[in-house]
Amino acid sequence: MDFTKGDNRFYKEENDKLVAEITYLPKDETVDVNHTFVDQSLRGQGVAEQLVDRVVAEMEKKGKKIVPSCPYVKALFERKPEKYGHIQAK
């Protein structure tokens, strides 16, 4: 799925309606990923993880680690340490 990059967020709109979004707050050497939203119509399709992957790719380019304060992102990082362990701030 393609996402639009905005100010400290990636998102998807369909018919002028927000259907998916992830937001983050830049800090010194890290970013705090603090919110993930996926509309009911898209749930169960892996969209939230795709949003996380988009942020991870962006932060890897910038050399920043991620602090996952969003409950979904925190749980995903814990569930898949082999995929996200390298990017999570300790």
PDB file of N, CA and C in Angstrom:
ATOM      1  N   MET A   1       0.849  -1.170   0.000  1.00  0.00           N
ATOM      2  CA  MET A   1       0.000   0.000   0.000  1.00  0.00           C
ATOM      3  C   MET A   1       0.898   1.238   0.000  1.00  0.00           C
ATOM      4  N   ASP A   2       0.512   2.231  -0.735  1.00  0.00           N
ATOM      5  CA  ASP A   2       1.256   3.489  -0.766  1.00  0.00           C
ATOM      6  C   ASP A   2       0.709   4.447   0.287  1.00  0.00           C
ATOM      7  N   PHE A   3       1.642   5.097   0.986  1.00  0.00           N
ATOM      8  CA  PHE A   3       1.274   6.059   2.009  1.00  0.00           C
ATOM      9  C   PHE A   3       1.848   7.415   1.642  1.00  0.00           C
ATOM     10  N   THR A   4       1.163   8.456   2.044  1.00  0.00           N
ATOM     11  CA  THR A   4       1.620   9.825   1.846  1.00  0.00           C
ATOM     12  C   THR A   4       2.440  10.224   3.056  1.00  0.00           C
ATOM     13  N   LYS A   5       3.573  10.901   2.807  1.00  0.00           N
ATOM     14  CA  LYS A   5       4.398  11.397   3.906  1.00  0.00           C
ATOM     15  C   LYS A   5       3.942  12.811   4.231  1.00  0.00           C
ATOM     16  N   GLY A   6       3.622  13.044   5.481  1.00  0.00           N
ATOM     17  CA  GLY A   6       3.239  14.369   5.950  1.00  0.00           C
ATOM     18  C   GLY A   6       4.223  14.836   7.003  1.00  0.00           C
ATOM     19  N   ASP A   7       3.863  15.859   7.727  1.00  0.00           N
ATOM     20  CA  ASP A   7       4.695  16.336   8.824  1.00  0.00           C
ATOM     21  C   ASP A   7       4.628  15.342   9.973  1.00  0.00           C
ATOM     22  N   ASN A   8       5.716  14.620  10.178  1.00  0.00           N
ATOM     23  CA  ASN A   8       5.824  13.645  11.267  1.00  0.00           C
ATOM     24  C   ASN A   8       4.728  12.580  11.230  1.00  0.00           C
ATOM     25  N   ARG A   9       4.357  12.184  10.028  1.00  0.00           N
ATOM     26  CA  ARG A   9       3.373  11.113   9.897  1.00  0.00           C
ATOM     27  C   ARG A   9       3.388  10.535   8.487  1.00  0.00           C
ATOM     28  N   PHE A  10       2.854   9.338   8.371  1.00  0.00           N
ATOM     29  CA  PHE A  10       2.539   8.709   7.097  1.00  0.00           C
ATOM     30  C   PHE A  10       1.067   8.376   7.174  1.00  0.00           C
ATOM     31  N   TYR A  11       0.367   8.539   6.059  1.00  0.00           N
ATOM     32  CA  TYR A  11      -1.067   8.325   6.109  1.00  0.00           C
ATOM     33  C   TYR A  11      -1.608   7.918   4.745  1.00  0.00           C
ATOM     34  N   LYS A  12      -2.858   7.444   4.762  1.00  0.00           N
ATOM     35  CA  LYS A  12      -3.577   7.051   3.550  1.00  0.00           C
ATOM     36  C   LYS A  12      -4.979   7.617   3.655  1.00  0.00           C
ATOM     37  N   GLU A  13      -5.402   8.281   2.590  1.00  0.00           N
ATOM     38  CA  GLU A  13      -6.779   8.775   2.510  1.00  0.00           C
ATOM     39  C   GLU A  13      -7.466   8.113   1.322  1.00  0.00           C
ATOM     40  N   GLU A  14      -8.732   7.845   1.481  1.00  0.00           N
ATOM     41  CA  GLU A  14      -9.571   7.330   0.402  1.00  0.00           C
ATOM     42  C   GLU A  14     -10.856   8.144   0.394  1.00  0.00           C
ATOM     43  N   ASN A  15     -11.173   8.721  -0.736  1.00  0.00           N
ATOM     44  CA  ASN A  15     -12.377   9.547  -0.858  1.00  0.00           C
ATOM     45  C   ASN A  15     -12.412  10.639   0.206  1.00  0.00           C
ATOM     46  N   ASP A  16     -11.281  11.320   0.382  1.00  0.00           N
ATOM     47  CA  ASP A  16     -11.141  12.410   1.356  1.00  0.00           C
ATOM     48  C   ASP A  16     -11.365  11.981   2.805  1.00  0.00           C
ATOM     49  N   LYS A  17     -11.209  10.685   3.075  1.00  0.00           N
ATOM     50  CA  LYS A  17     -11.367  10.170   4.433  1.00  0.00           C
ATOM     51  C   LYS A  17     -10.048   9.522   4.860  1.00  0.00           C
ATOM     52  N   LEU A  18      -9.583   9.850   6.062  1.00  0.00           N
ATOM     53  CA  LEU A  18      -8.388   9.232   6.610  1.00  0.00           C
ATOM     54  C   LEU A  18      -8.703   7.776   6.945  1.00  0.00           C
ATOM     55  N   VAL A  19      -7.935   6.847   6.347  1.00  0.00           N
ATOM     56  CA  VAL A  19      -8.181   5.433   6.596  1.00  0.00           C
ATOM     57  C   VAL A  19      -7.004   4.735   7.283  1.00  0.00           C
ATOM     58  N   ALA A  20      -5.839   5.388   7.298  1.00  0.00           N
ATOM     59  CA  ALA A  20      -4.678   4.812   7.977  1.00  0.00           C
ATOM     60  C   ALA A  20      -3.684   5.922   8.279  1.00  0.00           C
ATOM     61  N   GLU A  21      -3.050   5.817   9.461  1.00  0.00           N
ATOM     62  CA  GLU A  21      -2.104   6.860   9.847  1.00  0.00           C
ATOM     63  C   GLU A  21      -1.176   6.342  10.936  1.00  0.00           C
ATOM     64  N   ILE A  22       0.067   6.798  10.873  1.00  0.00           N
ATOM     65  CA  ILE A  22       1.021   6.592  11.949  1.00  0.00           C
ATOM     66  C   ILE A  22       1.716   7.922  12.174  1.00  0.00           C
ATOM     67  N   THR A  23       1.880   8.309  13.439  1.00  0.00           N
ATOM     68  CA  THR A  23       2.506   9.590  13.752  1.00  0.00           C
ATOM     69  C   THR A  23       3.703   9.367  14.658  1.00  0.00           C
ATOM     70  N   TYR A  24       4.635  10.314  14.602  1.00  0.00           N
ATOM     71  CA  TYR A  24       5.839  10.226  15.417  1.00  0.00           C
ATOM     72  C   TYR A  24       6.345  11.610  15.765  1.00  0.00           C
ATOM     73  N   LEU A  25       7.056  11.674  16.889  1.00  0.00           N
ATOM     74  CA  LEU A  25       7.638  12.928  17.367  1.00  0.00           C
ATOM     75  C   LEU A  25       9.153  12.801  17.333  1.00  0.00           C
ATOM     76  N   PRO A  26       9.818  13.628  16.528  1.00  0.00           N
ATOM     77  CA  PRO A  26      11.280  13.579  16.492  1.00  0.00           C
ATOM     78  C   PRO A  26      11.877  14.083  17.805  1.00  0.00           C
ATOM     79  N   LYS A  27      12.909  13.393  18.239  1.00  0.00           N
ATOM     80  CA  LYS A  27      13.686  13.820  19.397  1.00  0.00           C
ATOM     81  C   LYS A  27      15.128  13.917  18.922  1.00  0.00           C
ATOM     82  N   ASP A  28      16.087  14.010  19.806  1.00  0.00           N
ATOM     83  CA  ASP A  28      17.476  14.189  19.395  1.00  0.00           C
ATOM     84  C   ASP A  28      17.944  13.102  18.428  1.00  0.00           C
ATOM     85  N   GLU A  29      18.199  11.943  18.938  1.00  0.00           N
ATOM     86  CA  GLU A  29      18.695  10.834  18.118  1.00  0.00           C
ATOM     87  C   GLU A  29      17.641   9.761  17.879  1.00  0.00           C
ATOM     88  N   THR A  30      16.419  10.014  18.360  1.00  0.00           N
ATOM     89  CA  THR A  30      15.344   9.035  18.245  1.00  0.00           C
ATOM     90  C   THR A  30      14.074   9.706  17.735  1.00  0.00           C
ATOM     91  N   VAL A  31      13.082   8.876  17.468  1.00  0.00           N
ATOM     92  CA  VAL A  31      11.727   9.360  17.225  1.00  0.00           C
ATOM     93  C   VAL A  31      10.790   8.530  18.091  1.00  0.00           C
ATOM     94  N   ASP A  32       9.779   9.180  18.613  1.00  0.00           N
ATOM     95  CA  ASP A  32       8.763   8.521  19.425  1.00  0.00           C
ATOM     96  C   ASP A  32       7.568   8.239  18.521  1.00  0.00           C
ATOM     97  N   VAL A  33       7.360   6.971  18.187  1.00  0.00           N
ATOM     98  CA  VAL A  33       6.187   6.596  17.394  1.00  0.00           C
ATOM     99  C   VAL A  33       5.042   6.461  18.387  1.00  0.00           C
ATOM    100  N   ASN A  34       4.109   7.414  18.312  1.00  0.00           N
ATOM    101  CA  ASN A  34       3.124   7.553  19.386  1.00  0.00           C
ATOM    102  C   ASN A  34       1.680   7.241  19.025  1.00  0.00           C
ATOM    103  N   HIS A  35       1.394   6.960  17.749  1.00  0.00           N
ATOM    104  CA  HIS A  35      -0.007   6.730  17.384  1.00  0.00           C
ATOM    105  C   HIS A  35      -0.093   5.965  16.070  1.00  0.00           C
ATOM    106  N   THR A  36      -0.963   4.978  16.052  1.00  0.00           N
ATOM    107  CA  THR A  36      -1.267   4.229  14.832  1.00  0.00           C
ATOM    108  C   THR A  36      -2.777   4.093  14.739  1.00  0.00           C
ATOM    109  N   PHE A  37      -3.301   4.361  13.552  1.00  0.00           N
ATOM    110  CA  PHE A  37      -4.751   4.232  13.320  1.00  0.00           C
ATOM    111  C   PHE A  37      -4.976   3.527  11.997  1.00  0.00           C
ATOM    112  N   VAL A  38      -5.880   2.553  11.992  1.00  0.00           N
ATOM    113  CA  VAL A  38      -6.318   1.900  10.762  1.00  0.00           C
ATOM    114  C   VAL A  38      -7.837   1.795  10.825  1.00  0.00           C
ATOM    115  N   ASP A  39      -8.485   2.294   9.789  1.00  0.00           N
ATOM    116  CA  ASP A  39      -9.940   2.247   9.709  1.00  0.00           C
ATOM    117  C   ASP A  39     -10.432   0.796   9.735  1.00  0.00           C
ATOM    118  N   GLN A  40     -11.585   0.601  10.285  1.00  0.00           N
ATOM    119  CA  GLN A  40     -12.191  -0.730  10.395  1.00  0.00           C
ATOM    120  C   GLN A  40     -12.207  -1.453   9.042  1.00  0.00           C
ATOM    121  N   SER A  41     -12.422  -0.717   7.964  1.00  0.00           N
ATOM    122  CA  SER A  41     -12.515  -1.329   6.631  1.00  0.00           C
ATOM    123  C   SER A  41     -11.206  -1.961   6.168  1.00  0.00           C
ATOM    124  N   LEU A  42     -10.089  -1.592   6.782  1.00  0.00           N
ATOM    125  CA  LEU A  42      -8.783  -2.109   6.381  1.00  0.00           C
ATOM    126  C   LEU A  42      -8.148  -3.041   7.414  1.00  0.00           C
ATOM    127  N   ARG A  43      -8.784  -3.225   8.526  1.00  0.00           N
ATOM    128  CA  ARG A  43      -8.191  -4.037   9.591  1.00  0.00           C
ATOM    129  C   ARG A  43      -8.071  -5.498   9.171  1.00  0.00           C
ATOM    130  N   GLY A  44      -7.054  -6.140   9.708  1.00  0.00           N
ATOM    131  CA  GLY A  44      -6.823  -7.547   9.397  1.00  0.00           C
ATOM    132  C   GLY A  44      -6.079  -7.772   8.092  1.00  0.00           C
ATOM    133  N   GLN A  45      -5.596  -6.696   7.458  1.00  0.00           N
ATOM    134  CA  GLN A  45      -4.901  -6.802   6.173  1.00  0.00           C
ATOM    135  C   GLN A  45      -3.416  -6.442   6.280  1.00  0.00           C
ATOM    136  N   GLY A  46      -2.937  -6.249   7.492  1.00  0.00           N
ATOM    137  CA  GLY A  46      -1.530  -5.940   7.681  1.00  0.00           C
ATOM    138  C   GLY A  46      -1.164  -4.487   7.429  1.00  0.00           C
ATOM    139  N   VAL A  47      -2.153  -3.616   7.366  1.00  0.00           N
ATOM    140  CA  VAL A  47      -1.904  -2.207   7.061  1.00  0.00           C
ATOM    141  C   VAL A  47      -1.119  -1.523   8.180  1.00  0.00           C
ATOM    142  N   ALA A  48      -1.440  -1.810   9.420  1.00  0.00           N
ATOM    143  CA  ALA A  48      -0.723  -1.177  10.539  1.00  0.00           C
ATOM    144  C   ALA A  48       0.759  -1.550  10.499  1.00  0.00           C
ATOM    145  N   GLU A  49       1.061  -2.805  10.228  1.00  0.00           N
ATOM    146  CA  GLU A  49       2.468  -3.208  10.147  1.00  0.00           C
ATOM    147  C   GLU A  49       3.154  -2.551   8.947  1.00  0.00           C
ATOM    148  N   GLN A  50       2.439  -2.373   7.864  1.00  0.00           N
ATOM    149  CA  GLN A  50       3.000  -1.659   6.713  1.00  0.00           C
ATOM    150  C   GLN A  50       3.341  -0.217   7.078  1.00  0.00           C
ATOM    151  N   LEU A  51       2.487   0.415   7.868  1.00  0.00           N
ATOM    152  CA  LEU A  51       2.776   1.772   8.339  1.00  0.00           C
ATOM    153  C   LEU A  51       4.049   1.786   9.184  1.00  0.00           C
ATOM    154  N   VAL A  52       4.157   0.831  10.086  1.00  0.00           N
ATOM    155  CA  VAL A  52       5.354   0.738  10.924  1.00  0.00           C
ATOM    156  C   VAL A  52       6.583   0.533  10.046  1.00  0.00           C
ATOM    157  N   ASP A  53       6.474  -0.347   9.070  1.00  0.00           N
ATOM    158  CA  ASP A  53       7.606  -0.608   8.180  1.00  0.00           C
ATOM    159  C   ASP A  53       8.018   0.648   7.416  1.00  0.00           C
ATOM    160  N   ARG A  54       7.064   1.474   7.082  1.00  0.00           N
ATOM    161  CA  ARG A  54       7.367   2.724   6.367  1.00  0.00           C
ATOM    162  C   ARG A  54       8.150   3.678   7.267  1.00  0.00           C
ATOM    163  N   VAL A  55       7.738   3.784   8.526  1.00  0.00           N
ATOM    164  CA  VAL A  55       8.471   4.620   9.478  1.00  0.00           C
ATOM    165  C   VAL A  55       9.861   4.036   9.719  1.00  0.00           C
ATOM    166  N   VAL A  56       9.958   2.737   9.880  1.00  0.00           N
ATOM    167  CA  VAL A  56      11.255   2.090  10.099  1.00  0.00           C
ATOM    168  C   VAL A  56      12.196   2.399   8.947  1.00  0.00           C
ATOM    169  N   ALA A  57      11.726   2.273   7.711  1.00  0.00           N
ATOM    170  CA  ALA A  57      12.564   2.555   6.545  1.00  0.00           C
ATOM    171  C   ALA A  57      13.045   4.008   6.556  1.00  0.00           C
ATOM    172  N   GLU A  58      12.165   4.914   6.895  1.00  0.00           N
ATOM    173  CA  GLU A  58      12.516   6.338   6.946  1.00  0.00           C
ATOM    174  C   GLU A  58      13.558   6.617   8.032  1.00  0.00           C
ATOM    175  N   MET A  59      13.378   6.020   9.187  1.00  0.00           N
ATOM    176  CA  MET A  59      14.304   6.262  10.289  1.00  0.00           C
ATOM    177  C   MET A  59      15.651   5.589  10.051  1.00  0.00           C
ATOM    178  N   GLU A  60      15.650   4.454   9.374  1.00  0.00           N
ATOM    179  CA  GLU A  60      16.921   3.808   9.011  1.00  0.00           C
ATOM    180  C   GLU A  60      17.735   4.736   8.110  1.00  0.00           C
ATOM    181  N   LYS A  61      17.074   5.378   7.161  1.00  0.00           N
ATOM    182  CA  LYS A  61      17.757   6.328   6.266  1.00  0.00           C
ATOM    183  C   LYS A  61      18.360   7.481   7.051  1.00  0.00           C
ATOM    184  N   LYS A  62      17.660   7.917   8.103  1.00  0.00           N
ATOM    185  CA  LYS A  62      18.107   9.061   8.896  1.00  0.00           C
ATOM    186  C   LYS A  62      19.040   8.662  10.034  1.00  0.00           C
ATOM    187  N   GLY A  63      19.238   7.365  10.220  1.00  0.00           N
ATOM    188  CA  GLY A  63      20.110   6.900  11.292  1.00  0.00           C
ATOM    189  C   GLY A  63      19.533   7.099  12.678  1.00  0.00           C
ATOM    190  N   LYS A  64      18.207   7.064  12.786  1.00  0.00           N
ATOM    191  CA  LYS A  64      17.551   7.270  14.089  1.00  0.00           C
ATOM    192  C   LYS A  64      16.933   5.979  14.586  1.00  0.00           C
ATOM    193  N   LYS A  65      16.877   5.843  15.898  1.00  0.00           N
ATOM    194  CA  LYS A  65      16.215   4.712  16.554  1.00  0.00           C
ATOM    195  C   LYS A  65      14.792   5.118  16.913  1.00  0.00           C
ATOM    196  N   ILE A  66      13.951   4.126  17.169  1.00  0.00           N
ATOM    197  CA  ILE A  66      12.538   4.363  17.456  1.00  0.00           C
ATOM    198  C   ILE A  66      12.214   4.017  18.903  1.00  0.00           C
ATOM    199  N   VAL A  67      11.515   4.928  19.552  1.00  0.00           N
ATOM    200  CA  VAL A  67      10.932   4.691  20.868  1.00  0.00           C
ATOM    201  C   VAL A  67       9.444   4.424  20.620  1.00  0.00           C
ATOM    202  N   PRO A  68       8.970   3.211  20.850  1.00  0.00           N
ATOM    203  CA  PRO A  68       7.575   2.893  20.555  1.00  0.00           C
ATOM    204  C   PRO A  68       6.644   3.162  21.730  1.00  0.00           C
ATOM    205  N   SER A  69       6.064   4.351  21.806  1.00  0.00           N
ATOM    206  CA  SER A  69       5.108   4.609  22.888  1.00  0.00           C
ATOM    207  C   SER A  69       3.680   4.232  22.482  1.00  0.00           C
ATOM    208  N   CYS A  70       3.433   4.056  21.199  1.00  0.00           N
ATOM    209  CA  CYS A  70       2.131   3.556  20.735  1.00  0.00           C
ATOM    210  C   CYS A  70       2.008   2.095  21.158  1.00  0.00           C
ATOM    211  N   PRO A  71       0.917   1.715  21.814  1.00  0.00           N
ATOM    212  CA  PRO A  71       0.764   0.324  22.274  1.00  0.00           C
ATOM    213  C   PRO A  71       0.890  -0.706  21.146  1.00  0.00           C
ATOM    214  N   TYR A  72       0.350  -0.397  19.968  1.00  0.00           N
ATOM    215  CA  TYR A  72       0.457  -1.342  18.849  1.00  0.00           C
ATOM    216  C   TYR A  72       1.917  -1.530  18.444  1.00  0.00           C
ATOM    217  N   VAL A  73       2.643  -0.439  18.283  1.00  0.00           N
ATOM    218  CA  VAL A  73       4.033  -0.514  17.832  1.00  0.00           C
ATOM    219  C   VAL A  73       4.883  -1.217  18.878  1.00  0.00           C
ATOM    220  N   LYS A  74       4.656  -0.907  20.138  1.00  0.00           N
ATOM    221  CA  LYS A  74       5.397  -1.565  21.223  1.00  0.00           C
ATOM    222  C   LYS A  74       5.171  -3.078  21.176  1.00  0.00           C
ATOM    223  N   ALA A  75       3.922  -3.497  21.030  1.00  0.00           N
ATOM    224  CA  ALA A  75       3.597  -4.926  20.972  1.00  0.00           C
ATOM    225  C   ALA A  75       4.207  -5.580  19.732  1.00  0.00           C
ATOM    226  N   LEU A  76       4.181  -4.891  18.607  1.00  0.00           N
ATOM    227  CA  LEU A  76       4.751  -5.428  17.374  1.00  0.00           C
ATOM    228  C   LEU A  76       6.257  -5.618  17.519  1.00  0.00           C
ATOM    229  N   PHE A  77       6.935  -4.638  18.083  1.00  0.00           N
ATOM    230  CA  PHE A  77       8.380  -4.746  18.304  1.00  0.00           C
ATOM    231  C   PHE A  77       8.706  -5.921  19.227  1.00  0.00           C
ATOM    232  N   GLU A  78       7.883  -6.126  20.255  1.00  0.00           N
ATOM    233  CA  GLU A  78       8.098  -7.240  21.177  1.00  0.00           C
ATOM    234  C   GLU A  78       7.812  -8.582  20.520  1.00  0.00           C
ATOM    235  N   ARG A  79       6.807  -8.611  19.653  1.00  0.00           N
ATOM    236  CA  ARG A  79       6.408  -9.844  18.978  1.00  0.00           C
ATOM    237  C   ARG A  79       7.385 -10.253  17.879  1.00  0.00           C
ATOM    238  N   LYS A  80       8.058  -9.263  17.278  1.00  0.00           N
ATOM    239  CA  LYS A  80       8.953  -9.544  16.152  1.00  0.00           C
ATOM    240  C   LYS A  80      10.325  -8.904  16.354  1.00  0.00           C
ATOM    241  N   PRO A  81      11.042  -9.320  17.404  1.00  0.00           N
ATOM    242  CA  PRO A  81      12.345  -8.701  17.665  1.00  0.00           C
ATOM    243  C   PRO A  81      13.355  -8.941  16.545  1.00  0.00           C
ATOM    244  N   GLU A  82      13.215 -10.051  15.830  1.00  0.00           N
ATOM    245  CA  GLU A  82      14.131 -10.330  14.733  1.00  0.00           C
ATOM    246  C   GLU A  82      13.970  -9.322  13.592  1.00  0.00           C
ATOM    247  N   LYS A  83      12.813  -8.743  13.468  1.00  0.00           N
ATOM    248  CA  LYS A  83      12.546  -7.764  12.410  1.00  0.00           C
ATOM    249  C   LYS A  83      12.820  -6.333  12.876  1.00  0.00           C
ATOM    250  N   TYR A  84      12.527  -6.040  14.137  1.00  0.00           N
ATOM    251  CA  TYR A  84      12.580  -4.655  14.615  1.00  0.00           C
ATOM    252  C   TYR A  84      13.613  -4.386  15.705  1.00  0.00           C
ATOM    253  N   GLY A  85      14.285  -5.391  16.208  1.00  0.00           N
ATOM    254  CA  GLY A  85      15.223  -5.205  17.306  1.00  0.00           C
ATOM    255  C   GLY A  85      16.333  -4.216  17.003  1.00  0.00           C
ATOM    256  N   HIS A  86      16.749  -4.150  15.753  1.00  0.00           N
ATOM    257  CA  HIS A  86      17.849  -3.261  15.371  1.00  0.00           C
ATOM    258  C   HIS A  86      17.462  -1.787  15.393  1.00  0.00           C
ATOM    259  N   ILE A  87      16.183  -1.478  15.304  1.00  0.00           N
ATOM    260  CA  ILE A  87      15.720  -0.087  15.178  1.00  0.00           C
ATOM    261  C   ILE A  87      15.160   0.463  16.490  1.00  0.00           C
ATOM    262  N   GLN A  88      14.821  -0.416  17.424  1.00  0.00           N
ATOM    263  CA  GLN A  88      14.215   0.028  18.686  1.00  0.00           C
ATOM    264  C   GLN A  88      15.268   0.626  19.609  1.00  0.00           C
ATOM    265  N   ALA A  89      14.973   1.815  20.118  1.00  0.00           N
ATOM    266  CA  ALA A  89      15.860   2.451  21.083  1.00  0.00           C
ATOM    267  C   ALA A  89      15.795   1.689  22.398  1.00  0.00           C
ATOM    268  N   LYS A  90      16.906   1.535  23.029  1.00  0.00           N
ATOM    269  CA  LYS A  90      16.960   0.789  24.302  1.00  0.00           C
ATOM    270  C   LYS A  90      16.841   1.742  25.472  1.00  0.00           C
TER     271      LYS A  90
END
